[in-house]
């Protein structure tokens, strides 16, 4: 007997990866960081505790991960 079904719709109805890269780059650029699609794709599956040091390693300690992410 089936008791539940999980259906992952992320990316199914909307191309979320395209939006993810666009808005990360736009937000970082607002803060003065030249983020590219490659930078965003490099953190797309990372939890914040891993993505933040990775981006600070690229852009320097002044990169405000939480502000850009928000």
N, C-alpha and C. Protein backbone atom coordinates (compact mmCIF):
# COMPACT_ATOMS: atom_id res chain seq x y z
N UNK A 1 0.84 -1.18 0.00
CA UNK A 1 0.00 0.00 0.00
C UNK A 1 0.89 1.25 0.00
N UNK A 2 0.65 2.16 -0.90
CA UNK A 2 1.39 3.42 -0.98
C UNK A 2 0.86 4.36 0.10
N UNK A 3 1.77 4.89 0.91
CA UNK A 3 1.37 5.79 1.99
C UNK A 3 1.70 7.25 1.68
N UNK A 4 2.46 7.48 0.66
CA UNK A 4 2.81 8.85 0.31
C UNK A 4 3.59 8.91 -0.99
N UNK A 5 3.59 10.08 -1.58
CA UNK A 5 4.31 10.30 -2.82
C UNK A 5 5.03 11.64 -2.70
N UNK A 6 6.27 11.66 -3.14
CA UNK A 6 7.03 12.91 -3.18
C UNK A 6 7.20 13.27 -4.65
N UNK A 7 6.82 14.48 -4.98
CA UNK A 7 6.94 14.95 -6.35
C UNK A 7 7.74 16.24 -6.34
N UNK A 8 8.93 16.22 -6.86
CA UNK A 8 9.81 17.38 -6.90
C UNK A 8 9.50 18.20 -8.14
N UNK A 9 8.92 19.39 -7.93
CA UNK A 9 8.53 20.23 -9.06
C UNK A 9 9.55 21.33 -9.36
N UNK A 10 10.65 21.38 -8.60
CA UNK A 10 11.65 22.41 -8.85
C UNK A 10 12.21 22.27 -10.26
N UNK A 11 12.02 23.29 -11.04
CA UNK A 11 12.53 23.27 -12.41
C UNK A 11 11.55 22.68 -13.41
N UNK A 12 10.48 22.11 -12.93
CA UNK A 12 9.53 21.47 -13.83
C UNK A 12 8.63 22.49 -14.53
N UNK A 13 8.09 23.41 -13.77
CA UNK A 13 7.16 24.38 -14.34
C UNK A 13 7.83 25.71 -14.68
N UNK A 14 8.90 26.00 -13.97
CA UNK A 14 9.65 27.24 -14.19
C UNK A 14 11.12 26.87 -14.21
N UNK A 15 11.87 27.45 -15.13
CA UNK A 15 13.31 27.21 -15.19
C UNK A 15 13.97 28.00 -14.07
N UNK A 16 13.98 27.41 -12.87
CA UNK A 16 14.49 28.11 -11.70
C UNK A 16 15.99 28.38 -11.77
N UNK A 17 16.74 27.54 -12.44
CA UNK A 17 18.18 27.75 -12.53
C UNK A 17 18.50 29.05 -13.28
N UNK A 18 17.75 29.33 -14.32
CA UNK A 18 17.95 30.58 -15.06
C UNK A 18 17.70 31.78 -14.15
N UNK A 19 16.64 31.71 -13.35
CA UNK A 19 16.32 32.80 -12.43
C UNK A 19 17.35 32.89 -11.32
N UNK A 20 17.78 31.75 -10.81
CA UNK A 20 18.78 31.72 -9.75
C UNK A 20 20.05 32.45 -10.18
N UNK A 21 20.56 32.10 -11.34
CA UNK A 21 21.80 32.72 -11.81
C UNK A 21 21.60 34.21 -12.07
N UNK A 22 20.48 34.56 -12.67
CA UNK A 22 20.22 35.97 -12.98
C UNK A 22 20.19 36.83 -11.72
N UNK A 23 19.43 36.40 -10.73
CA UNK A 23 19.24 37.24 -9.55
C UNK A 23 20.43 37.23 -8.60
N UNK A 24 21.18 36.13 -8.53
CA UNK A 24 22.42 36.15 -7.75
C UNK A 24 23.39 37.16 -8.36
N UNK A 25 23.53 37.12 -9.68
CA UNK A 25 24.45 38.05 -10.35
C UNK A 25 24.01 39.49 -10.17
N UNK A 26 22.72 39.76 -10.34
CA UNK A 26 22.21 41.12 -10.18
C UNK A 26 22.44 41.62 -8.76
N UNK A 27 22.14 40.78 -7.78
CA UNK A 27 22.29 41.20 -6.38
C UNK A 27 23.76 41.45 -6.05
N UNK A 28 24.65 40.56 -6.47
CA UNK A 28 26.07 40.74 -6.20
C UNK A 28 26.59 42.00 -6.87
N UNK A 29 26.15 42.26 -8.08
CA UNK A 29 26.58 43.47 -8.79
C UNK A 29 26.12 44.73 -8.07
N UNK A 30 24.94 44.70 -7.45
CA UNK A 30 24.46 45.85 -6.67
C UNK A 30 25.42 46.16 -5.52
N UNK A 31 26.05 45.13 -4.98
CA UNK A 31 27.01 45.31 -3.89
C UNK A 31 28.44 45.49 -4.39
N UNK A 32 28.61 45.58 -5.71
CA UNK A 32 29.92 45.87 -6.28
C UNK A 32 30.79 44.67 -6.60
N UNK A 33 30.18 43.48 -6.66
CA UNK A 33 30.93 42.26 -6.97
C UNK A 33 30.53 41.76 -8.35
N UNK A 34 31.53 41.48 -9.18
CA UNK A 34 31.28 41.05 -10.55
C UNK A 34 31.06 39.54 -10.60
N UNK A 35 29.89 39.11 -10.15
CA UNK A 35 29.57 37.68 -10.13
C UNK A 35 29.11 37.25 -11.51
N UNK A 36 29.55 36.08 -11.92
CA UNK A 36 29.17 35.53 -13.22
C UNK A 36 28.32 34.29 -13.02
N UNK A 37 27.75 33.82 -14.11
CA UNK A 37 26.94 32.61 -14.08
C UNK A 37 27.76 31.43 -13.55
N UNK A 38 29.03 31.38 -13.90
CA UNK A 38 29.88 30.28 -13.43
C UNK A 38 30.03 30.28 -11.92
N UNK A 39 30.13 31.47 -11.31
CA UNK A 39 30.20 31.56 -9.85
C UNK A 39 28.93 30.99 -9.22
N UNK A 40 27.80 31.39 -9.76
CA UNK A 40 26.52 30.93 -9.20
C UNK A 40 26.35 29.42 -9.38
N UNK A 41 26.68 28.92 -10.54
CA UNK A 41 26.55 27.49 -10.77
C UNK A 41 27.48 26.70 -9.85
N UNK A 42 28.56 27.32 -9.41
CA UNK A 42 29.48 26.67 -8.49
C UNK A 42 28.95 26.51 -7.08
N UNK A 43 27.88 27.26 -6.74
CA UNK A 43 27.30 27.17 -5.40
C UNK A 43 25.87 26.66 -5.40
N UNK A 44 25.33 26.32 -6.54
CA UNK A 44 23.90 26.02 -6.66
C UNK A 44 23.39 24.90 -5.76
N UNK A 45 24.19 23.95 -5.42
CA UNK A 45 23.74 22.85 -4.56
C UNK A 45 24.36 22.92 -3.17
N UNK A 46 25.03 24.00 -2.87
CA UNK A 46 25.72 24.11 -1.59
C UNK A 46 24.85 24.77 -0.53
N UNK A 47 24.92 24.26 0.68
CA UNK A 47 24.29 24.93 1.82
C UNK A 47 25.06 26.23 2.07
N UNK A 48 24.41 27.17 2.73
CA UNK A 48 25.01 28.48 2.99
C UNK A 48 26.35 28.36 3.71
N UNK A 49 26.47 27.39 4.63
CA UNK A 49 27.72 27.27 5.39
C UNK A 49 28.90 26.88 4.51
N UNK A 50 28.62 26.33 3.32
CA UNK A 50 29.68 26.00 2.37
C UNK A 50 29.80 27.05 1.26
N UNK A 51 28.67 27.62 0.85
CA UNK A 51 28.66 28.61 -0.23
C UNK A 51 29.33 29.91 0.19
N UNK A 52 29.09 30.33 1.42
CA UNK A 52 29.66 31.60 1.88
C UNK A 52 31.19 31.61 1.85
N UNK A 53 31.87 30.62 2.44
CA UNK A 53 33.34 30.66 2.35
C UNK A 53 33.87 30.49 0.93
N UNK A 54 33.14 29.75 0.11
CA UNK A 54 33.58 29.60 -1.28
C UNK A 54 33.54 30.95 -1.99
N UNK A 55 32.45 31.70 -1.82
CA UNK A 55 32.34 33.01 -2.48
C UNK A 55 33.30 34.02 -1.87
N UNK A 56 33.53 33.95 -0.57
CA UNK A 56 34.50 34.85 0.05
C UNK A 56 35.91 34.53 -0.45
N UNK A 57 36.17 33.28 -0.77
CA UNK A 57 37.45 32.90 -1.34
C UNK A 57 37.65 33.49 -2.73
N UNK A 58 36.55 33.69 -3.44
CA UNK A 58 36.61 34.26 -4.78
C UNK A 58 36.64 35.79 -4.74
N UNK A 59 35.72 36.38 -3.94
CA UNK A 59 35.53 37.83 -3.95
C UNK A 59 36.18 38.56 -2.79
N UNK A 60 36.69 37.82 -1.81
CA UNK A 60 37.33 38.46 -0.66
C UNK A 60 36.40 38.47 0.55
N UNK A 61 36.97 38.75 1.70
CA UNK A 61 36.23 38.73 2.96
C UNK A 61 35.14 39.80 3.03
N UNK A 62 35.21 40.81 2.21
CA UNK A 62 34.18 41.86 2.23
C UNK A 62 32.89 41.43 1.56
N UNK A 63 32.89 40.27 0.93
CA UNK A 63 31.66 39.78 0.29
C UNK A 63 30.64 39.45 1.37
N UNK A 64 29.52 40.16 1.36
CA UNK A 64 28.47 39.97 2.36
C UNK A 64 27.45 38.96 1.82
N UNK A 65 27.73 37.70 2.06
CA UNK A 65 26.92 36.61 1.53
C UNK A 65 25.45 36.75 1.89
N UNK A 66 25.17 37.01 3.17
CA UNK A 66 23.78 37.08 3.61
C UNK A 66 23.02 38.25 2.97
N UNK A 67 23.68 39.38 2.80
CA UNK A 67 23.03 40.53 2.17
C UNK A 67 22.74 40.25 0.70
N UNK A 68 23.71 39.67 0.00
CA UNK A 68 23.51 39.37 -1.42
C UNK A 68 22.43 38.30 -1.57
N UNK A 69 22.47 37.30 -0.73
CA UNK A 69 21.47 36.23 -0.80
C UNK A 69 20.06 36.75 -0.54
N UNK A 70 19.94 37.67 0.40
CA UNK A 70 18.62 38.23 0.73
C UNK A 70 18.06 39.01 -0.45
